[in-house]
Protein backbone atom coordinates (compact mmCIF):
# COMPACT_ATOMS: atom_id res chain seq x y z
CA MET A 1 213.22 67.80 -41.92
CA LYS A 2 211.34 70.94 -41.32
CA TYR A 3 212.13 74.28 -42.70
CA VAL A 4 210.43 77.62 -42.47
CA TYR A 5 212.38 81.09 -44.52
CA PRO A 6 210.65 84.17 -45.19
CA ALA A 7 209.22 84.67 -48.84
CA VAL A 8 209.66 87.93 -50.38
CA PHE A 9 206.47 89.08 -52.74
CA ARG A 10 207.10 91.58 -54.48
CA PRO A 11 203.91 92.52 -57.23
CA GLU A 12 204.51 92.18 -60.63
CA GLN A 13 201.85 93.34 -63.44
CA LYS A 14 200.42 89.94 -63.15
CA GLY A 15 200.78 88.55 -60.21
CA PHE A 16 204.13 88.25 -57.85
CA SER A 17 207.81 87.19 -58.39
CA ILE A 18 209.00 85.36 -54.90
CA PHE A 19 212.32 84.70 -54.04
CA PHE A 20 213.68 83.32 -51.03
CA PRO A 21 216.18 86.46 -49.54
CA ASP A 22 218.13 83.45 -47.47
CA ILE A 23 218.17 80.62 -51.08
CA ARG A 24 220.42 81.60 -53.53
CA MET A 25 218.86 79.83 -56.28
CA GLY A 26 216.30 81.92 -57.98
CA GLY A 27 212.18 81.93 -57.19
CA THR A 28 209.32 82.11 -58.46
CA HIS A 29 205.40 83.66 -59.48
CA GLY A 30 202.97 83.70 -58.40
CA ASP A 31 198.96 84.75 -59.89
CA ASP A 32 197.96 85.87 -56.60
CA ILE A 33 198.94 85.14 -53.29
CA ALA A 34 197.37 81.58 -52.96
CA ASP A 35 199.09 80.84 -56.50
CA GLY A 36 202.03 82.70 -54.60
CA LEU A 37 202.20 80.48 -51.32
CA GLU A 38 201.92 77.17 -53.02
CA MET A 39 204.16 78.03 -55.67
CA ALA A 40 207.13 79.39 -52.78
CA HIS A 41 205.88 75.98 -50.45
CA ASP A 42 206.81 73.96 -54.27
CA PHE A 43 210.53 76.22 -54.37
CA LEU A 44 211.39 76.01 -51.46
CA VAL A 45 210.53 71.92 -50.25
CA GLY A 46 212.52 71.26 -53.84
CA ALA A 47 215.54 73.67 -52.96
CA MET A 48 216.31 72.15 -49.67
CA ALA A 49 215.48 68.38 -50.67
CA MET A 50 218.14 69.46 -53.73
CA LEU A 51 220.57 70.99 -50.14
CA GLU A 52 220.43 67.44 -48.52
CA ASP A 53 220.72 65.47 -51.04
CA GLU A 54 223.93 67.66 -52.27
CA GLY A 55 224.92 67.17 -48.63
CA GLN A 56 225.48 71.54 -49.19
CA GLU A 57 225.01 73.63 -45.96
CA ILE A 58 221.78 74.81 -45.27
CA PRO A 59 221.57 78.65 -44.69
CA THR A 60 220.17 79.98 -41.37
CA SER A 61 216.86 81.67 -41.71
CA THR A 62 216.21 85.50 -41.94
CA GLU A 63 213.13 87.14 -39.23
CA ILE A 64 210.89 88.76 -41.29
CA ALA A 65 211.75 92.23 -39.43
CA SER A 66 215.15 92.25 -40.55
CA LEU A 67 214.49 92.85 -43.97
CA ASN A 68 215.44 95.43 -46.02
CA LEU A 69 211.58 95.60 -47.97
CA LYS A 70 211.19 97.85 -50.72
CA ASP A 71 207.96 99.36 -51.42
CA GLY A 72 204.82 97.27 -52.42
CA GLU A 73 206.77 94.08 -51.24
CA PHE A 74 206.18 92.23 -48.66
CA ALA A 75 206.95 89.19 -46.61
CA SER A 76 205.30 86.07 -45.27
CA PHE A 77 206.45 82.79 -43.96
CA VAL A 78 206.61 79.61 -45.66
CA SER A 79 207.03 76.18 -43.93
CA VAL A 80 207.84 72.84 -45.58
CA ASP A 81 208.49 69.48 -44.60
CA THR A 82 211.78 67.77 -47.05
CA ALA A 83 211.17 64.27 -45.21
CA GLU A 84 206.71 64.28 -46.06
CA TYR A 85 208.30 65.65 -49.07
CA ARG A 86 210.05 62.81 -50.59
CA ARG A 87 207.22 60.45 -49.12
CA LYS A 88 205.49 61.48 -51.49
CA LEU A 89 207.69 61.63 -54.41
CA GLU A 90 208.29 57.50 -53.16
CA THR A 91 206.94 55.57 -55.40
CA LYS A 92 208.17 52.73 -54.71
CA ALA A 93 204.97 49.72 -54.44
CA VAL A 94 204.98 47.90 -51.31
CA LYS A 95 203.50 44.19 -50.65
CA LYS A 96 201.20 43.68 -48.60
CA THR A 97 199.47 40.70 -47.66
CA LEU A 98 195.26 40.82 -47.03
CA THR A 99 192.91 38.09 -46.13
CA LEU A 100 189.57 37.99 -47.73
CA PRO A 101 186.46 35.61 -47.47
CA SER A 102 187.25 32.85 -49.96
CA TRP A 103 183.31 33.88 -52.51
CA LEU A 104 184.75 37.71 -52.29
CA ASN A 105 187.84 36.53 -53.86
CA ALA A 106 186.19 34.47 -56.49
CA LYS A 107 183.65 36.83 -57.61
CA ALA A 108 186.15 39.58 -57.75
CA GLU A 109 188.64 37.28 -59.76
CA ALA A 110 185.55 36.29 -61.61
CA ALA A 111 184.97 39.41 -62.86
CA ASN A 112 188.61 40.36 -63.67
CA ILE A 113 188.64 42.97 -60.50
CA ASN A 114 192.47 44.26 -60.06
CA PHE A 115 193.12 43.90 -56.33
CA SER A 116 195.88 46.42 -56.19
CA HIS A 117 194.12 48.86 -58.06
CA THR A 118 190.89 48.30 -56.17
CA LEU A 119 192.53 48.77 -52.53
CA GLN A 120 195.02 52.17 -53.80
CA ARG A 121 191.28 53.52 -54.56
CA ALA A 122 189.46 52.78 -51.31
CA LEU A 123 193.05 53.75 -49.30
CA LYS A 124 192.69 57.34 -51.27
CA GLU A 125 189.18 57.50 -50.31
CA ASP A 126 189.23 56.23 -46.61
CA LEU A 127 191.95 59.15 -46.44
CA LYS A 128 190.66 61.44 -48.67
CA ILE A 129 193.81 61.43 -50.60
CA ALA A 130 192.29 63.19 -53.81
CA ASN A 131 194.24 61.79 -56.95
């Protein structure tokens, strides 16, 4: 599921405290705005996945204009996709069958190449996925 909620950023001596008025599960902290947005995303996607897993009611998202912000605070919408989050966390191995020329297979086996590791590395490189 996709969700969008306003996050309130409250300036602190170092960075920002960040909370979601609609999600009563605490909050997070960011060293700067960029870090804060990343931390807010991590917090919200985890909170929403937990609400889904526990079968709890999903709160309605408040409009930013209706928030009562204090001096120095600002709000930004944060968007998350719990289905994408779950896919990234899924570590279950999937067996794939592939075909190689026999000469390449023989050379790779002779060099003790780990086919699974090599394929994963190549796929991540082609898909521009870090780690």
